[in-house]
Amino acid sequence: MRRLRRHPWIVNTAIVLLGLSFVALGLALRAALPHRPARTLTVALFLLAGVALAAAGPVNLDCVVSHEPCKTAWKAGQLSWQTDGHMWLSFSGQLLLAATPFALARALWPKPRGRGVHGRRRYGTRNLASSRSRSRTVAAASLTDWPSASTSPRFTSGP
């Protein structure tokens, strides 16, 4: 830990590279995802998250905010703007990253309206009445053809 305090560029470089990896992922997804409006949202979320994280790298914290003396100084406004900047940039990057799986799932959805979930063509209310009447007919036929417990050899009692 002391080495990192003496050489903050190591952590800063790692944070910038992490952010740039999300930018690269966003650019790769632009070419890989199907052309839909959700693709634009997915790519934008990855790009913005990457830029926010990469920008948070060179903006150093004054101290570790999880420690009580530093937390008290931060709440009192005694720390530099870099601490606030780093915290807001990292928070926004994490928030944008949290939204990316949902946007990616929407971009990979089979149809814009969804298959079988929203559409009435295959599984909708139009077929609901006919499927209910078919299931009642099958259930009624199977109940009348079912052998009773007294005639079935499985339900005999004793040897």
Protein backbone atom coordinates (compact mmCIF):
# COMPACT_ATOMS: atom_id res chain seq x y z
CA MET A 1 0.00 0.00 0.00
CA ARG A 2 2.89 2.36 0.72
CA ARG A 3 4.23 1.85 -2.77
CA LEU A 4 0.90 3.00 -4.19
CA ARG A 5 0.98 6.14 -2.04
CA ARG A 6 4.43 7.00 -3.36
CA HIS A 7 3.48 6.16 -6.94
CA PRO A 8 -0.17 7.10 -7.54
CA TRP A 9 0.39 6.89 -11.28
CA ILE A 10 0.13 3.08 -11.00
CA VAL A 11 -3.46 3.23 -9.77
CA ASN A 12 -4.30 6.16 -12.05
CA THR A 13 -3.06 4.26 -15.08
CA ALA A 14 -5.06 1.18 -14.10
CA ILE A 15 -8.25 3.21 -13.69
CA VAL A 16 -7.71 4.94 -17.06
CA LEU A 17 -7.07 1.60 -18.77
CA LEU A 18 -10.22 0.17 -17.19
CA GLY A 19 -12.24 3.08 -18.56
CA LEU A 20 -10.64 2.78 -22.00
CA SER A 21 -11.48 -0.93 -22.07
CA PHE A 22 -15.16 -0.07 -21.71
CA VAL A 23 -14.81 2.47 -24.51
CA ALA A 24 -13.26 -0.24 -26.70
CA LEU A 25 -16.06 -2.63 -25.76
CA GLY A 26 -18.66 -0.03 -26.73
CA LEU A 27 -17.02 0.48 -30.11
CA ALA A 28 -16.85 -3.27 -30.69
CA LEU A 29 -20.51 -3.70 -29.77
CA ARG A 30 -21.43 -1.02 -32.29
CA ALA A 31 -20.18 -3.29 -35.05
CA ALA A 32 -21.47 -6.53 -33.52
CA LEU A 33 -25.04 -5.72 -32.43
CA PRO A 34 -27.99 -5.71 -34.85
CA HIS A 35 -29.11 -2.32 -36.15
CA ARG A 36 -31.82 -1.32 -33.69
CA PRO A 37 -32.45 1.71 -31.47
CA ALA A 38 -31.39 -0.29 -28.40
CA ARG A 39 -27.97 -0.77 -29.99
CA THR A 40 -27.39 2.98 -29.87
CA LEU A 41 -28.35 3.09 -26.19
CA THR A 42 -26.07 0.15 -25.35
CA VAL A 43 -23.09 1.64 -27.17
CA ALA A 44 -23.71 5.06 -25.59
CA LEU A 45 -23.89 3.58 -22.08
CA PHE A 46 -20.59 1.72 -22.52
CA LEU A 47 -18.90 4.77 -24.04
CA LEU A 48 -20.11 7.15 -21.35
CA ALA A 49 -19.22 4.73 -18.55
CA GLY A 50 -15.76 4.28 -20.02
CA VAL A 51 -15.18 8.00 -20.39
CA ALA A 52 -16.37 8.67 -16.83
CA LEU A 53 -14.10 5.99 -15.38
CA ALA A 54 -11.14 7.06 -17.50
CA ALA A 55 -11.64 10.67 -16.41
CA ALA A 56 -11.76 9.61 -12.76
CA GLY A 57 -8.29 8.08 -13.02
CA PRO A 58 -6.09 11.21 -13.04
CA VAL A 59 -8.30 13.01 -10.51
CA ASN A 60 -6.76 11.88 -7.22
CA LEU A 61 -8.42 11.59 -3.85
CA ASP A 62 -6.93 13.66 -1.03
CA CYS A 63 -7.36 10.81 1.42
CA VAL A 64 -9.27 7.55 1.86
CA VAL A 65 -12.86 8.65 2.39
CA SER A 66 -13.79 5.42 4.15
CA HIS A 67 -11.60 6.42 7.12
CA GLU A 68 -13.41 8.49 9.73
CA PRO A 69 -11.06 11.56 9.88
CA CYS A 70 -11.10 11.88 6.10
CA LYS A 71 -14.86 11.38 5.98
CA THR A 72 -15.34 14.15 8.55
CA ALA A 73 -13.06 16.49 6.57
CA TRP A 74 -14.93 15.67 3.37
CA LYS A 75 -18.33 16.39 4.93
CA ALA A 76 -16.95 19.68 6.33
CA GLY A 77 -15.80 20.70 2.84
CA GLN A 78 -12.13 20.82 3.74
CA LEU A 79 -10.94 18.58 0.90
CA SER A 80 -10.10 19.73 -2.62
CA TRP A 81 -12.40 19.65 -5.62
CA GLN A 82 -10.51 16.62 -6.88
CA THR A 83 -12.01 14.42 -4.19
CA ASP A 84 -15.53 15.45 -5.16
CA GLY A 85 -14.68 15.12 -8.84
CA HIS A 86 -13.27 11.64 -8.42
CA MET A 87 -16.24 10.51 -6.36
CA TRP A 88 -18.83 11.91 -8.80
CA LEU A 89 -17.05 10.56 -11.88
CA SER A 90 -16.63 7.10 -10.40
CA PHE A 91 -20.22 7.07 -9.14
CA SER A 92 -21.62 8.06 -12.53
CA GLY A 93 -19.40 5.50 -14.26
CA GLN A 94 -20.63 2.74 -11.96
CA LEU A 95 -24.24 3.82 -12.40
CA LEU A 96 -23.88 3.76 -16.19
CA LEU A 97 -22.22 0.36 -16.01
CA ALA A 98 -25.09 -0.96 -13.92
CA ALA A 99 -27.50 -0.05 -16.73
CA THR A 100 -25.50 -1.75 -19.51
CA PRO A 101 -26.73 -5.35 -19.00
CA PHE A 102 -30.33 -4.25 -19.40
CA ALA A 103 -29.59 -2.23 -22.53
CA LEU A 104 -27.56 -5.11 -23.95
CA ALA A 105 -30.38 -7.57 -23.27
CA ARG A 106 -32.80 -5.23 -25.02
CA ALA A 107 -30.46 -4.89 -28.00
CA LEU A 108 -30.23 -8.68 -28.30
CA TRP A 109 -33.99 -9.24 -27.94
CA PRO A 110 -35.33 -11.26 -30.92
CA LYS A 111 -37.83 -8.67 -32.12
CA PRO A 112 -38.42 -5.03 -31.18
CA ARG A 113 -41.81 -5.96 -29.70
CA GLY A 114 -40.66 -9.23 -28.23
CA ARG A 115 -41.54 -12.76 -29.23
CA GLY A 116 -44.51 -14.22 -27.38
CA VAL A 117 -44.38 -11.69 -24.59
CA HIS A 118 -45.95 -8.59 -26.07
CA GLY A 119 -47.24 -9.78 -29.42
CA ARG A 120 -50.76 -11.14 -29.80
CA ARG A 121 -49.92 -13.03 -32.98
CA ARG A 122 -48.78 -16.28 -31.44
CA TYR A 123 -49.52 -16.37 -27.72
CA GLY A 124 -51.90 -13.51 -27.23
CA THR A 125 -55.48 -13.11 -26.17
CA ARG A 126 -56.76 -14.19 -29.56
CA ASN A 127 -55.76 -17.79 -28.89
CA LEU A 128 -56.63 -17.76 -25.21
CA ALA A 129 -60.28 -18.80 -25.61
CA SER A 130 -59.52 -21.65 -28.00
CA SER A 131 -56.72 -23.01 -25.81
CA ARG A 132 -58.96 -22.93 -22.74
CA SER A 133 -61.74 -24.79 -24.51
CA ARG A 134 -59.25 -27.38 -25.81
CA SER A 135 -57.81 -27.93 -22.33
CA ARG A 136 -61.30 -28.37 -20.83
CA THR A 137 -62.17 -30.91 -23.52
CA VAL A 138 -58.98 -32.89 -22.93
CA ALA A 139 -59.46 -32.76 -19.16
CA ALA A 140 -63.07 -33.90 -19.37
CA ALA A 141 -62.19 -36.76 -21.71
CA SER A 142 -59.33 -37.95 -19.54
CA LEU A 143 -61.49 -37.86 -16.39
CA THR A 144 -64.21 -39.99 -17.91
CA ASP A 145 -61.74 -42.54 -19.29
CA TRP A 146 -59.71 -42.84 -16.09
CA PRO A 147 -60.16 -46.17 -14.25
CA SER A 148 -61.54 -45.94 -10.77
CA ALA A 149 -59.43 -46.75 -7.74
CA SER A 150 -61.41 -49.91 -6.97
CA THR A 151 -60.75 -51.50 -10.38
CA SER A 152 -57.11 -50.52 -10.67
CA PRO A 153 -54.65 -53.22 -9.57
CA ARG A 154 -52.24 -50.59 -8.18
CA PHE A 155 -54.64 -49.55 -5.43
CA THR A 156 -55.48 -52.98 -4.00
CA SER A 157 -54.91 -53.34 -0.33
CA GLY A 158 -53.22 -56.31 1.22
CA PRO A 159 -51.27 -59.20 -0.33
